[in-house]
Amino acid sequence: MFLVLLLASVSYRAPVSADSSPQLILDPASIVNEALTAGNNITLTAKVLDVTNLFAYEFKIYYNRTVLNCTKAVRPAGHFMEPQLDPGSQFIPKWELKDNFNATHGRLWLSFTLMAPEAGRSGSGTLVQITFKILALGNTPITLGETQLVDGAAQLISHQAVSSYFSNLPIPPPPPPANVYVEPQEIVDPALTPSSNFTVEIKIFSAINVHAFEFKLNYTAAVIEALEVTEGAFLKSAGSTSIQKMEINNTLGFVKFGVALASSLAASGNGTLSAMTFHVLQIGATPLTLLDVSLTDPSNQPLNRTVTSGLFSNVVLQGDLNDDGIIDILDVSTAAIAFGATPDNPRWNAKADLNFDGVIDVLDLVMIILNFNGTVVAEFPWFLMLPIFMIATALAVRISRRKR
């Protein structure tokens, strides 16, 4: 509990296939009911299906904050990952409900890991029950993103993520908005040193009847500069195109790009709108922020869309135990598996002993959490660090006494 307090300072569901590949789903797959007016609540359940040796999970859920607000996300009694040997053999790196994540969307960020000596879970079951309050008439994807399932060896479990959808509009509802997003959404790689290049794509998902698009991408000009922007294949798949706007400004740090199809042609589905190559200037981090995104149909009428921006960072992170360039649930799980171990224990992992005191304990977990998801904490003020380490020391003493 103390670490939870410490950290407080569209797609429709595809039909389930006949095979038994693991899935992380939101159930039900859709809630479409015009009787669910403002003030009512809806509940979704995050579940795993056909998983083997699940030891930890992490996922985010995005939704339109003008339609829904999240009021709670709980692990119900008897949930799939409930500890069986000791109620304390669990750890929650992140359990965040943020209805004001940005100007348009709310976000849940939930992560959980068992701790040794607990064993991974196999089968199917409930992870979390999530309650939303309905604010207004509308519709929204309830999208699972950045999902990670981790096994008892701190390895990723390949799986399918299946999102949900809500609407209380009169039936039939309009098609869900297309999503325009940066891919990859996060580039966190210390190997991308100054003079390196990298490429991102602007993609579109679940588009219907798109004739033209335009966007602006902002970035920090002191950290990276844009070298090139090119058209992707999405609109070209429907016919000949022409570039309507192309501007690179490395002084102010933005790229503007727009393309239109000829005549009254339109494209639907998923694909790439554009690709951009950047040159790294210095060590640092910058958002890759999509702005002024417009989609229009052949009648020049605007189309609904959602937007997901990105991030670049080449800052070296303390606590990156598996050297993948980001501190996430995999690193927490690695430390959790070795929790309580000393060098003479077969579970010992020297990388997880971040303070070099010869034992993997709560102090090492705190150091990882300070940089969780790649947030670099250069210096914490004494009035935050003091209570952190007072609580961590008290818990370490308690654990030590229990082992005697």
Protein backbone atom coordinates (compact mmCIF):
# COMPACT_ATOMS: atom_id res chain seq x y z
CA MET A 1 0.00 0.00 0.00
CA PHE A 2 2.77 2.44 0.83
CA LEU A 3 4.09 2.35 -2.73
CA VAL A 4 0.63 3.07 -4.10
CA LEU A 5 0.51 6.16 -1.87
CA LEU A 6 4.03 7.02 -2.93
CA LEU A 7 3.17 7.10 -6.58
CA ALA A 8 0.12 9.28 -6.07
CA SER A 9 2.65 12.60 -5.34
CA VAL A 10 -11.89 2.18 -32.22
CA SER A 11 -11.83 -0.78 -32.27
CA TYR A 12 -14.68 -3.24 -32.10
CA ARG A 13 -13.96 -6.62 -30.65
CA ALA A 14 -12.96 -9.11 -33.30
CA PRO A 15 -14.56 -12.53 -33.20
CA VAL A 16 -12.66 -14.88 -30.92
CA SER A 17 -10.76 -17.37 -33.05
CA ALA A 18 -10.91 -21.09 -32.58
CA ASP A 19 -7.29 -21.34 -31.49
CA SER A 20 -6.12 -20.75 -27.94
CA SER A 21 -3.70 -17.87 -28.41
CA PRO A 22 -3.63 -15.56 -25.34
CA GLN A 23 -5.89 -12.52 -25.34
CA LEU A 24 -6.31 -9.44 -23.17
CA ILE A 25 -9.87 -8.19 -23.67
CA LEU A 26 -12.34 -5.62 -22.45
CA ASP A 27 -15.70 -7.28 -21.82
CA PRO A 28 -18.29 -6.58 -23.12
CA ALA A 29 -16.87 -5.83 -26.56
CA SER A 30 -19.40 -3.02 -27.05
CA ILE A 31 -22.13 -1.24 -25.13
CA VAL A 32 -24.63 0.41 -27.47
CA ASN A 33 -27.77 1.53 -25.68
CA GLU A 34 -29.53 4.86 -26.15
CA ALA A 35 -31.28 4.39 -22.78
CA LEU A 36 -27.93 4.85 -20.99
CA THR A 37 -28.23 8.58 -20.51
CA ALA A 38 -26.02 10.96 -18.52
CA GLY A 39 -25.70 9.98 -14.86
CA ASN A 40 -25.82 6.22 -15.43
CA ASN A 41 -22.81 3.95 -14.93
CA ILE A 42 -21.33 1.20 -17.06
CA THR A 43 -18.84 -1.49 -16.02
CA LEU A 44 -16.20 -3.17 -18.16
CA THR A 45 -14.06 -6.11 -17.13
CA ALA A 46 -10.46 -6.53 -18.23
CA LYS A 47 -9.84 -10.25 -18.68
CA VAL A 48 -7.12 -12.59 -19.89
CA LEU A 49 -7.98 -15.65 -21.96
CA ASP A 50 -5.87 -18.76 -22.49
CA VAL A 51 -2.72 -17.37 -20.91
CA THR A 52 0.18 -19.44 -19.57
CA ASN A 53 2.41 -18.53 -16.59
CA LEU A 54 1.17 -14.94 -16.26
CA PHE A 55 3.21 -13.16 -13.56
CA ALA A 56 2.56 -9.48 -14.30
CA TYR A 57 0.61 -7.17 -16.57
CA GLU A 58 0.48 -3.57 -17.67
CA PHE A 59 -1.96 -1.78 -19.94
CA LYS A 60 -3.51 1.60 -20.64
CA ILE A 61 -7.10 2.39 -21.57
CA TYR A 62 -8.10 5.54 -23.47
CA TYR A 63 -11.61 7.01 -23.79
CA ASN A 64 -13.36 10.25 -24.75
CA ARG A 65 -13.51 12.32 -21.55
CA THR A 66 -16.50 14.34 -22.77
CA VAL A 67 -18.59 11.15 -22.88
CA LEU A 68 -17.23 9.08 -19.98
CA ASN A 69 -15.39 9.57 -16.72
CA CYS A 70 -13.75 6.67 -14.94
CA THR A 71 -14.84 6.46 -11.30
CA LYS A 72 -13.00 3.33 -10.18
CA ALA A 73 -10.85 0.41 -11.27
CA VAL A 74 -10.64 -2.45 -8.78
CA ARG A 75 -9.20 -5.94 -8.58
CA PRO A 76 -12.20 -7.90 -7.29
CA ALA A 77 -11.96 -10.56 -4.62
CA GLY A 78 -10.78 -13.80 -6.18
CA HIS A 79 -9.31 -12.05 -9.23
CA PHE A 80 -7.06 -14.06 -11.53
CA MET A 81 -3.81 -12.71 -10.05
CA GLU A 82 -4.80 -12.81 -6.39
CA PRO A 83 -1.81 -14.04 -4.31
CA GLN A 84 -2.27 -17.58 -3.02
CA LEU A 85 0.65 -17.93 -0.61
CA ASP A 86 0.84 -14.51 1.05
CA PRO A 87 -1.47 -11.50 0.53
CA GLY A 88 1.64 -9.32 0.53
CA SER A 89 3.24 -11.12 -2.42
CA GLN A 90 2.07 -8.53 -4.92
CA PHE A 91 3.21 -5.12 -6.10
CA ILE A 92 1.41 -2.33 -7.92
CA PRO A 93 3.88 -0.12 -9.86
CA LYS A 94 1.12 2.07 -11.32
CA TRP A 95 -2.62 2.36 -10.72
CA GLU A 96 -3.62 5.68 -12.16
CA LEU A 97 -7.05 6.99 -13.21
CA LYS A 98 -6.70 10.29 -15.03
CA ASP A 99 -9.86 11.71 -16.59
CA ASN A 100 -7.96 14.82 -17.68
CA PHE A 101 -5.10 13.01 -19.42
CA ASN A 102 -5.32 15.56 -22.24
CA ALA A 103 -7.86 17.98 -23.72
CA THR A 104 -9.98 15.24 -25.26
CA HIS A 105 -9.21 11.93 -23.58
CA GLY A 106 -9.02 10.23 -20.23
CA ARG A 107 -6.56 7.43 -19.53
CA LEU A 108 -6.22 4.52 -17.13
CA TRP A 109 -2.72 3.21 -16.52
CA LEU A 110 -2.79 -0.07 -14.63
CA SER A 111 0.08 -2.41 -13.80
CA PHE A 112 0.44 -5.30 -11.38
CA THR A 113 2.97 -7.99 -10.59
CA LEU A 114 3.10 -10.98 -8.33
CA MET A 115 6.23 -11.37 -6.23
CA ALA A 116 8.29 -14.39 -5.32
CA PRO A 117 7.55 -16.99 -4.11
CA GLU A 118 4.22 -16.74 -5.97
CA ALA A 119 4.02 -18.67 -9.27
CA GLY A 120 2.60 -17.44 -12.56
CA ARG A 121 -1.07 -18.07 -13.40
CA SER A 122 -2.39 -20.09 -16.32
CA GLY A 123 -5.87 -20.16 -17.81
CA SER A 124 -8.49 -17.42 -18.13
CA GLY A 125 -9.94 -14.96 -15.65
CA THR A 126 -10.72 -11.44 -14.48
CA LEU A 127 -7.97 -8.89 -13.85
CA VAL A 128 -9.81 -5.61 -13.21
CA GLN A 129 -13.37 -4.30 -13.05
CA ILE A 130 -13.68 -0.74 -14.36
CA THR A 131 -16.62 1.59 -13.75
CA PHE A 132 -17.37 4.61 -15.94
CA LYS A 133 -19.92 7.37 -15.32
CA ILE A 134 -21.76 8.57 -18.43
CA LEU A 135 -21.49 12.33 -18.88
CA ALA A 136 -23.30 13.07 -22.13
CA LEU A 137 -24.77 11.77 -25.34
CA GLY A 138 -22.04 10.44 -27.61
CA ASN A 139 -19.84 7.54 -28.51
CA THR A 140 -16.24 6.59 -27.85
CA PRO A 141 -13.81 3.77 -28.39
CA ILE A 142 -12.56 2.39 -25.09
CA THR A 143 -9.16 1.43 -26.36
CA LEU A 144 -6.62 -0.93 -24.86
CA GLY A 145 -3.14 0.36 -25.62
CA GLU A 146 0.48 -0.42 -24.79
CA THR A 147 -0.47 -3.80 -23.36
CA GLN A 148 2.13 -6.08 -21.81
CA LEU A 149 1.69 -9.54 -20.34
CA VAL A 150 4.78 -10.89 -18.58
CA ASP A 151 5.57 -14.48 -17.62
CA GLY A 152 7.41 -15.87 -14.61
CA ALA A 153 10.76 -15.45 -16.35
CA ALA A 154 10.13 -11.73 -16.97
CA GLN A 155 9.52 -12.36 -20.69
CA LEU A 156 6.74 -10.86 -22.75
CA ILE A 157 3.79 -13.11 -23.60
CA SER A 158 2.60 -12.65 -27.17
CA HIS A 159 -1.12 -11.86 -27.15
CA GLN A 160 -4.01 -10.12 -28.89
CA ALA A 161 -5.48 -6.99 -27.29
CA VAL A 162 -9.22 -6.53 -27.88
CA SER A 163 -10.79 -3.15 -27.09
CA SER A 164 -14.37 -2.06 -26.46
CA TYR A 165 -16.80 0.64 -27.61
CA PHE A 166 -19.57 2.70 -26.02
CA SER A 167 -22.45 4.63 -27.59
CA ASN A 168 -25.74 6.00 -26.33
CA LEU A 169 -26.54 7.69 -29.63
CA PRO A 170 -29.73 6.72 -31.42
CA ILE A 171 -29.23 3.42 -33.20
CA PRO A 172 -27.64 2.93 -35.65
CA PRO A 173 -24.70 4.96 -34.33
CA PRO A 174 -22.40 6.75 -36.73
CA PRO A 175 -19.13 5.01 -37.57
CA PRO A 176 -16.45 5.35 -34.90
CA PRO A 177 -13.91 8.12 -35.52
CA ALA A 178 -10.70 7.32 -37.29
CA ASN A 179 -7.58 7.41 -35.17
CA VAL A 180 -4.56 9.31 -36.47
CA TYR A 181 -1.46 8.39 -34.51
CA VAL A 182 2.34 8.45 -34.36
CA GLU A 183 4.00 5.04 -34.85
CA PRO A 184 5.96 4.03 -32.87
CA GLN A 185 4.22 5.96 -30.13
CA GLU A 186 7.34 5.97 -27.95
CA ILE A 187 10.95 5.91 -29.15
CA VAL A 188 13.08 5.57 -26.02
CA ASP A 189 16.55 4.48 -27.04
CA PRO A 190 19.84 5.70 -25.52
CA ALA A 191 21.61 4.27 -28.59
CA LEU A 192 20.14 7.10 -30.69
CA THR A 193 22.99 9.46 -29.88
CA PRO A 194 23.62 12.80 -31.58
CA SER A 195 24.18 12.38 -35.35
CA SER A 196 21.82 9.35 -35.46
CA ASN A 197 18.64 9.28 -37.56
CA PHE A 198 15.26 7.70 -36.89
CA THR A 199 11.92 7.51 -38.69
CA VAL A 200 8.34 7.78 -37.49
CA GLU A 201 5.13 7.22 -39.41
CA ILE A 202 1.80 8.98 -39.15
CA LYS A 203 -0.82 6.28 -39.47
CA ILE A 204 -4.60 6.09 -39.64
CA PHE A 205 -6.87 3.41 -38.23
CA SER A 206 -10.55 2.67 -38.90
CA ALA A 207 -10.94 5.42 -41.50
CA ILE A 208 -14.02 5.76 -43.68
CA ASN A 209 -14.32 7.80 -46.90
CA VAL A 210 -11.18 9.96 -46.52
CA HIS A 211 -10.46 12.22 -49.50
CA ALA A 212 -7.77 14.45 -47.97
CA PHE A 213 -5.74 14.90 -44.81
CA GLU A 214 -3.54 17.51 -43.20
CA PHE A 215 -1.55 17.62 -39.97
CA LYS A 216 1.13 19.49 -38.06
CA LEU A 217 3.76 17.67 -35.96
CA ASN A 218 5.56 19.69 -33.27
CA TYR A 219 8.91 18.73 -31.69
CA THR A 220 11.71 20.33 -29.67
CA ALA A 221 14.11 21.80 -32.21
CA ALA A 222 17.04 21.74 -29.79
CA VAL A 223 16.84 17.93 -29.50
CA ILE A 224 15.96 16.76 -33.04
CA GLU A 225 15.52 18.21 -36.52
CA ALA A 226 13.37 16.99 -39.39
CA LEU A 227 15.19 15.91 -42.56
CA GLU A 228 12.43 14.59 -44.81
CA VAL A 229 8.68 14.01 -44.99
CA THR A 230 7.12 11.67 -47.55
CA GLU A 231 3.63 10.51 -48.45
CA GLY A 232 2.47 7.10 -47.27
CA ALA A 233 0.42 4.55 -49.18
CA PHE A 234 -3.02 5.08 -47.60
CA LEU A 235 -4.53 7.62 -50.01
CA LYS A 236 -2.52 6.30 -52.96
CA SER A 237 -4.32 2.98 -52.60
CA ALA A 238 -7.48 4.70 -53.86
CA GLY A 239 -6.00 6.61 -56.80
CA SER A 240 -3.68 9.42 -57.83
CA THR A 241 -2.82 12.07 -55.22
CA SER A 242 -1.25 15.48 -54.97
CA ILE A 243 0.65 17.08 -52.09
CA GLN A 244 -1.24 20.15 -50.89
CA LYS A 245 1.15 21.29 -48.16
CA MET A 246 4.72 20.50 -47.15
CA GLU A 247 6.69 22.63 -44.70
CA ILE A 248 9.66 21.78 -42.46
CA ASN A 249 10.64 24.42 -39.90
CA ASN A 250 13.59 23.34 -37.76
CA THR A 251 13.81 26.75 -36.11
CA LEU A 252 10.38 26.55 -34.51
CA GLY A 253 10.27 22.77 -34.54
CA PHE A 254 7.36 21.63 -36.70
CA VAL A 255 6.40 19.78 -39.87
CA LYS A 256 3.21 20.53 -41.81
CA PHE A 257 1.99 18.07 -44.42
CA GLY A 258 -1.19 17.60 -46.44
CA VAL A 259 -2.30 15.36 -49.30
CA ALA A 260 -5.52 15.04 -51.35
CA LEU A 261 -6.89 12.49 -53.78
CA ALA A 262 -7.88 13.49 -57.29
CA SER A 263 -11.52 14.07 -58.25
CA SER A 264 -14.07 12.55 -55.81
CA LEU A 265 -12.04 9.51 -54.80
CA ALA A 266 -11.82 8.34 -51.17
CA ALA A 267 -9.94 5.75 -49.13
CA SER A 268 -11.11 3.66 -46.16
CA GLY A 269 -9.49 1.30 -43.69
CA ASN A 270 -6.04 1.43 -42.12
CA GLY A 271 -2.68 2.59 -43.45
CA THR A 272 0.19 5.07 -43.46
CA LEU A 273 -0.42 8.74 -44.18
CA SER A 274 3.17 9.92 -44.00
CA ALA A 275 6.73 9.03 -42.94
CA MET A 276 9.24 11.46 -41.43
CA THR A 277 12.96 11.11 -40.86
CA PHE A 278 14.59 13.01 -37.98
CA HIS A 279 18.22 13.74 -37.10
CA VAL A 280 19.27 13.66 -33.42
CA LEU A 281 21.05 16.82 -32.27
CA GLN A 282 21.63 16.17 -28.57
CA ILE A 283 20.75 14.01 -25.58
CA GLY A 284 17.25 14.85 -24.42
CA ALA A 285 13.55 14.14 -24.77
CA THR A 286 10.77 15.71 -26.82
CA PRO A 287 7.06 15.10 -27.40
CA LEU A 288 6.07 14.40 -30.99
CA THR A 289 2.77 16.26 -30.85
CA LEU A 290 0.14 15.96 -33.56
CA LEU A 291 -1.84 19.18 -34.00
CA ASP A 292 -4.36 20.63 -36.46
CA VAL A 293 -5.23 17.17 -37.80
CA SER A 294 -8.00 17.30 -40.39
CA LEU A 295 -9.68 14.59 -42.45
CA THR A 296 -12.21 15.50 -45.12
CA ASP A 297 -14.53 13.50 -47.38
CA PRO A 298 -15.02 14.05 -51.15
CA SER A 299 -17.58 16.80 -50.36
CA ASN A 300 -14.94 18.60 -48.29
CA GLN A 301 -16.89 17.85 -45.12
CA PRO A 302 -14.81 17.22 -41.97
CA LEU A 303 -14.61 13.67 -40.64
CA ASN A 304 -14.45 12.74 -36.97
CA ARG A 305 -11.05 11.59 -35.78
CA THR A 306 -9.05 11.03 -32.63
CA VAL A 307 -5.35 11.84 -32.34
CA THR A 308 -2.53 10.10 -30.47
CA SER A 309 0.85 11.82 -30.26
CA GLY A 310 4.29 10.33 -29.61
CA LEU A 311 7.55 10.74 -27.70
CA PHE A 312 11.28 10.59 -28.38
CA SER A 313 13.99 10.19 -25.73
CA ASN A 314 17.60 9.06 -25.78
CA VAL A 315 18.26 9.66 -22.09
CA VAL A 316 19.98 6.82 -20.21
CA LEU A 317 17.64 5.41 -17.55
CA GLN A 318 18.57 4.02 -14.15
CA GLY A 319 16.62 0.84 -13.44
CA ASP A 320 16.48 -0.45 -17.03
CA LEU A 321 17.27 -4.01 -15.94
CA ASN A 322 16.70 -5.67 -19.33
CA ASP A 323 18.46 -2.94 -21.37
CA ASP A 324 15.49 -2.27 -23.68
CA GLY A 325 15.68 1.52 -23.30
CA ILE A 326 12.60 1.98 -21.10
CA ILE A 327 11.71 1.29 -17.49
CA ASP A 328 8.43 -0.60 -17.42
CA ILE A 329 6.66 -3.62 -15.96
CA LEU A 330 9.36 -5.96 -17.30
CA ASP A 331 11.98 -4.28 -15.13
CA VAL A 332 9.68 -4.25 -12.11
CA SER A 333 8.92 -7.94 -12.65
CA THR A 334 12.61 -8.78 -12.90
CA ALA A 335 13.23 -7.16 -9.51
CA ALA A 336 10.06 -8.71 -8.06
CA ILE A 337 11.18 -12.21 -9.07
CA ALA A 338 14.50 -11.63 -7.29
CA PHE A 339 12.90 -9.91 -4.30
CA GLY A 340 14.54 -10.88 -1.02
CA ALA A 341 17.46 -12.66 -2.73
CA THR A 342 21.11 -12.32 -1.72
CA PRO A 343 24.14 -13.37 -3.81
CA ASP A 344 23.99 -16.95 -2.50
CA ASN A 345 20.36 -17.38 -3.62
CA PRO A 346 19.58 -18.90 -7.06
CA ARG A 347 17.12 -16.04 -7.67
CA TRP A 348 19.89 -13.44 -7.25
CA ASN A 349 20.10 -10.86 -10.04
CA ALA A 350 22.98 -8.41 -9.65
CA LYS A 351 21.37 -5.88 -12.00
CA ALA A 352 18.41 -5.54 -9.64
CA ASP A 353 20.67 -4.58 -6.71
CA LEU A 354 20.64 -0.91 -7.66
CA ASN A 355 22.03 0.36 -4.36
CA PHE A 356 24.71 -2.37 -4.17
CA ASP A 357 23.80 -3.46 -0.64
CA GLY A 358 23.81 -7.20 -1.40
CA VAL A 359 20.07 -7.78 -1.17
CA ILE A 360 17.15 -7.18 -3.56
CA ASP A 361 14.69 -5.29 -1.38
CA VAL A 362 12.16 -2.48 -1.32
CA LEU A 363 14.88 0.14 -1.72
CA ASP A 364 15.75 -1.26 -5.13
CA LEU A 365 12.06 -1.32 -6.12
CA VAL A 366 11.71 2.33 -5.11
CA MET A 367 14.66 3.29 -7.32
CA ILE A 368 13.04 1.55 -10.29
CA ILE A 369 9.63 3.15 -9.69
CA LEU A 370 11.14 6.65 -9.58
CA ASN A 371 11.97 6.23 -13.27
CA PHE A 372 8.96 4.06 -14.24
CA ASN A 373 8.01 4.33 -17.94
CA GLY A 374 11.15 6.28 -18.73
CA THR A 375 10.56 9.42 -16.65
CA VAL A 376 14.00 10.61 -15.65
CA VAL A 377 14.16 11.96 -12.12
CA ALA A 378 17.39 13.95 -12.02
CA GLU A 379 16.93 15.03 -8.40
CA PHE A 380 14.08 14.58 -5.94
CA PRO A 381 13.74 17.29 -3.25
CA TRP A 382 14.60 16.20 0.27
CA PHE A 383 11.02 16.61 1.50
CA LEU A 384 9.90 13.91 -0.98
CA MET A 385 12.89 11.60 -0.60
CA LEU A 386 12.86 11.63 3.21
CA PRO A 387 9.39 10.06 3.66
CA ILE A 388 10.09 7.65 0.79
CA PHE A 389 13.14 6.19 2.43
CA MET A 390 11.67 6.31 5.95
CA ILE A 391 8.77 4.15 4.77
CA ALA A 392 11.05 1.94 2.65
CA THR A 393 13.39 1.36 5.59
CA ALA A 394 10.51 0.48 7.92
CA LEU A 395 9.18 -2.06 5.42
CA ALA A 396 12.65 -3.52 4.85
CA VAL A 397 13.03 -4.05 8.62
CA ARG A 398 9.60 -5.68 8.76
CA ILE A 399 10.50 -8.05 5.92
CA SER A 400 13.82 -8.87 7.58
CA ARG A 401 12.07 -9.79 10.84
CA ARG A 402 9.60 -12.03 9.05
CA LYS A 403 12.49 -13.98 7.52
CA ARG A 404 14.05 -14.77 10.92
